[in-house]
Amino acid sequence: MHQNRISRTASSLLLAAAILSGTAGCATHSDADAWPAKLVPSDQLRLAEPLRMKMPRRSSNDPMPNGTTVLRLHVDEQGTVRKTSLATSSGSAILDSAAAQAFNSARFVPYREAGTAVAVTTLMPVNVKASSQCRGFSPLDC
């Protein structure tokens, strides 16, 4: 009886993991959800406008978080970021979230291959090194 309960629990966990990872229910998966196959280095993309990153803090005396987060970006043919995901955490949930929010509304110059704009995937490192001058300010880029 104990072995049966463990097997049912293990089966339930495997099913939950399959659902969360997206392998279950593939009939609802569309090509629009897929990441572009073309992977380009982040230095091959140029922002079309300045990026503004806002980091919420509980008080103005809270230090700004430091670190590097790496985001996976889907940039479409028009240079619009269609989706982001966290590839590597900085160790600060605030910094990771702020970077993702900033890139969700970012625009890039469209990536071109042989003169044609193509959708791409890139791994974008976001390095934040706050200085002591950042104390006392609300959302800003330091």
Protein backbone atom coordinates (compact mmCIF):
# COMPACT_ATOMS: atom_id res chain seq x y z
CA MET A 1 0.00 0.00 0.00
CA HIS A 2 2.82 2.42 0.92
CA GLN A 3 4.56 1.69 -2.42
CA ASN A 4 1.32 2.45 -4.34
CA ARG A 5 0.96 5.81 -2.59
CA ILE A 6 4.56 6.73 -3.51
CA SER A 7 3.98 5.70 -7.14
CA ARG A 8 0.78 7.78 -7.36
CA THR A 9 2.57 10.77 -5.80
CA ALA A 10 5.49 10.39 -8.22
CA SER A 11 3.08 10.12 -11.17
CA SER A 12 1.22 13.23 -10.01
CA LEU A 13 4.48 15.15 -9.69
CA LEU A 14 5.60 14.07 -13.17
CA LEU A 15 2.25 15.14 -14.63
CA ALA A 16 2.46 18.51 -12.86
CA ALA A 17 6.03 19.00 -14.13
CA ALA A 18 4.94 18.16 -17.69
CA ILE A 19 2.07 20.65 -17.52
CA LEU A 20 4.26 23.41 -16.10
CA SER A 21 7.03 22.82 -18.64
CA GLY A 22 4.58 23.03 -21.51
CA THR A 23 4.96 19.46 -22.78
CA ALA A 24 1.36 18.59 -21.92
CA GLY A 25 -1.40 20.07 -24.00
CA CYS A 26 0.75 20.62 -27.09
CA ALA A 27 -2.38 20.92 -29.21
CA THR A 28 -2.78 24.47 -27.90
CA HIS A 29 0.83 25.44 -28.67
CA SER A 30 1.11 27.84 -31.59
CA ASP A 31 4.02 29.01 -33.71
CA ALA A 32 3.45 32.52 -32.35
CA ASP A 33 4.61 31.23 -28.94
CA ALA A 34 7.83 29.77 -30.36
CA TRP A 35 11.19 31.45 -29.91
CA PRO A 36 12.82 32.46 -33.22
CA ALA A 37 15.36 29.87 -34.36
CA LYS A 38 17.82 32.59 -35.39
CA LEU A 39 20.08 33.21 -32.36
CA VAL A 40 22.23 36.35 -32.51
CA PRO A 41 24.74 37.82 -30.05
CA SER A 42 23.33 40.76 -28.11
CA ASP A 43 25.99 43.08 -29.53
CA GLN A 44 24.41 42.58 -32.97
CA LEU A 45 21.27 44.41 -31.81
CA ARG A 46 20.92 48.16 -31.30
CA LEU A 47 18.28 49.82 -29.18
CA ALA A 48 16.11 52.19 -31.21
CA GLU A 49 15.52 54.37 -28.14
CA PRO A 50 17.09 54.70 -24.69
CA LEU A 51 16.21 52.02 -22.17
CA ARG A 52 14.80 53.18 -18.82
CA MET A 53 14.98 50.80 -15.91
CA LYS A 54 13.00 51.51 -12.74
CA MET A 55 13.78 49.70 -9.53
CA PRO A 56 11.21 50.06 -6.76
CA ARG A 57 12.53 50.42 -3.23
CA ARG A 58 10.72 50.47 0.08
CA SER A 59 12.52 53.62 1.19
CA SER A 60 15.02 56.06 -0.25
CA ASN A 61 17.65 54.66 2.13
CA ASP A 62 17.48 51.18 0.62
CA PRO A 63 20.60 50.54 -1.45
CA MET A 64 20.20 49.97 -5.16
CA PRO A 65 20.74 46.31 -6.10
CA ASN A 66 23.91 45.37 -7.98
CA GLY A 67 24.52 42.49 -10.31
CA THR A 68 24.12 41.06 -13.76
CA THR A 69 21.00 39.35 -15.01
CA VAL A 70 20.76 37.67 -18.40
CA LEU A 71 17.46 37.82 -20.27
CA ARG A 72 16.39 35.78 -23.25
CA LEU A 73 14.62 38.11 -25.70
CA HIS A 74 12.41 37.45 -28.72
CA VAL A 75 12.78 40.45 -31.03
CA ASP A 76 10.43 40.42 -34.03
CA GLU A 77 10.97 41.74 -37.56
CA GLN A 78 9.90 45.26 -36.54
CA GLY A 79 12.36 45.35 -33.62
CA THR A 80 9.66 44.92 -30.98
CA VAL A 81 10.40 42.67 -28.01
CA ARG A 82 7.65 40.04 -28.10
CA LYS A 83 8.64 38.14 -24.95
CA THR A 84 11.35 37.81 -22.35
CA SER A 85 12.47 35.09 -19.99
CA LEU A 86 15.08 34.97 -17.27
CA ALA A 87 18.13 33.00 -18.43
CA THR A 88 20.40 33.80 -15.45
CA SER A 89 19.39 35.56 -12.26
CA SER A 90 21.43 38.35 -10.74
CA GLY A 91 20.52 37.06 -7.30
CA SER A 92 18.19 40.03 -6.79
CA ALA A 93 14.53 39.49 -7.64
CA ILE A 94 14.08 43.28 -7.80
CA LEU A 95 16.87 43.70 -10.37
CA ASP A 96 15.70 40.69 -12.42
CA SER A 97 12.12 41.99 -12.50
CA ALA A 98 13.16 45.56 -13.33
CA ALA A 99 15.34 44.37 -16.22
CA ALA A 100 12.54 42.20 -17.63
CA GLN A 101 10.03 45.06 -17.38
CA ALA A 102 12.43 47.47 -19.07
CA PHE A 103 13.00 45.11 -22.01
CA ASN A 104 9.32 44.21 -22.34
CA SER A 105 8.75 47.71 -23.70
CA ALA A 106 12.10 48.09 -25.51
CA ARG A 107 12.42 48.67 -29.23
CA PHE A 108 15.41 47.65 -31.31
CA VAL A 109 16.53 48.55 -34.80
CA PRO A 110 15.28 45.52 -36.77
CA TYR A 111 17.92 42.83 -37.26
CA ARG A 112 18.64 42.33 -40.95
CA GLU A 113 20.04 39.38 -42.79
CA ALA A 114 20.77 39.86 -46.51
CA GLY A 115 18.71 43.06 -46.37
CA THR A 116 15.62 41.39 -44.94
CA ALA A 117 14.40 42.00 -41.38
CA VAL A 118 14.15 38.75 -39.41
CA ALA A 119 12.90 37.78 -35.97
CA VAL A 120 15.70 36.77 -33.60
CA THR A 121 16.41 35.38 -30.17
CA THR A 122 19.25 36.83 -28.11
CA LEU A 123 20.69 36.51 -24.63
CA MET A 124 20.93 40.04 -23.27
CA PRO A 125 23.16 40.66 -20.22
CA VAL A 126 21.97 43.55 -18.04
CA ASN A 127 24.71 44.78 -15.70
CA VAL A 128 23.70 47.15 -12.91
CA LYS A 129 26.44 48.62 -10.80
CA ALA A 130 24.86 51.17 -8.50
CA SER A 131 27.06 53.75 -6.85
CA SER A 132 26.58 55.43 -3.50
CA GLN A 133 25.14 58.38 -5.46
CA CYS A 134 22.01 56.28 -6.06
CA ARG A 135 20.91 56.57 -2.43
CA GLY A 136 18.00 58.89 -1.84
CA PHE A 137 16.66 58.70 -5.39
CA SER A 138 13.52 56.91 -6.45
CA PRO A 139 13.45 54.94 -9.72
CA LEU A 140 16.43 55.81 -11.88
CA ASP A 141 19.26 54.36 -13.84
CA CYS A 142 22.55 54.47 -11.95
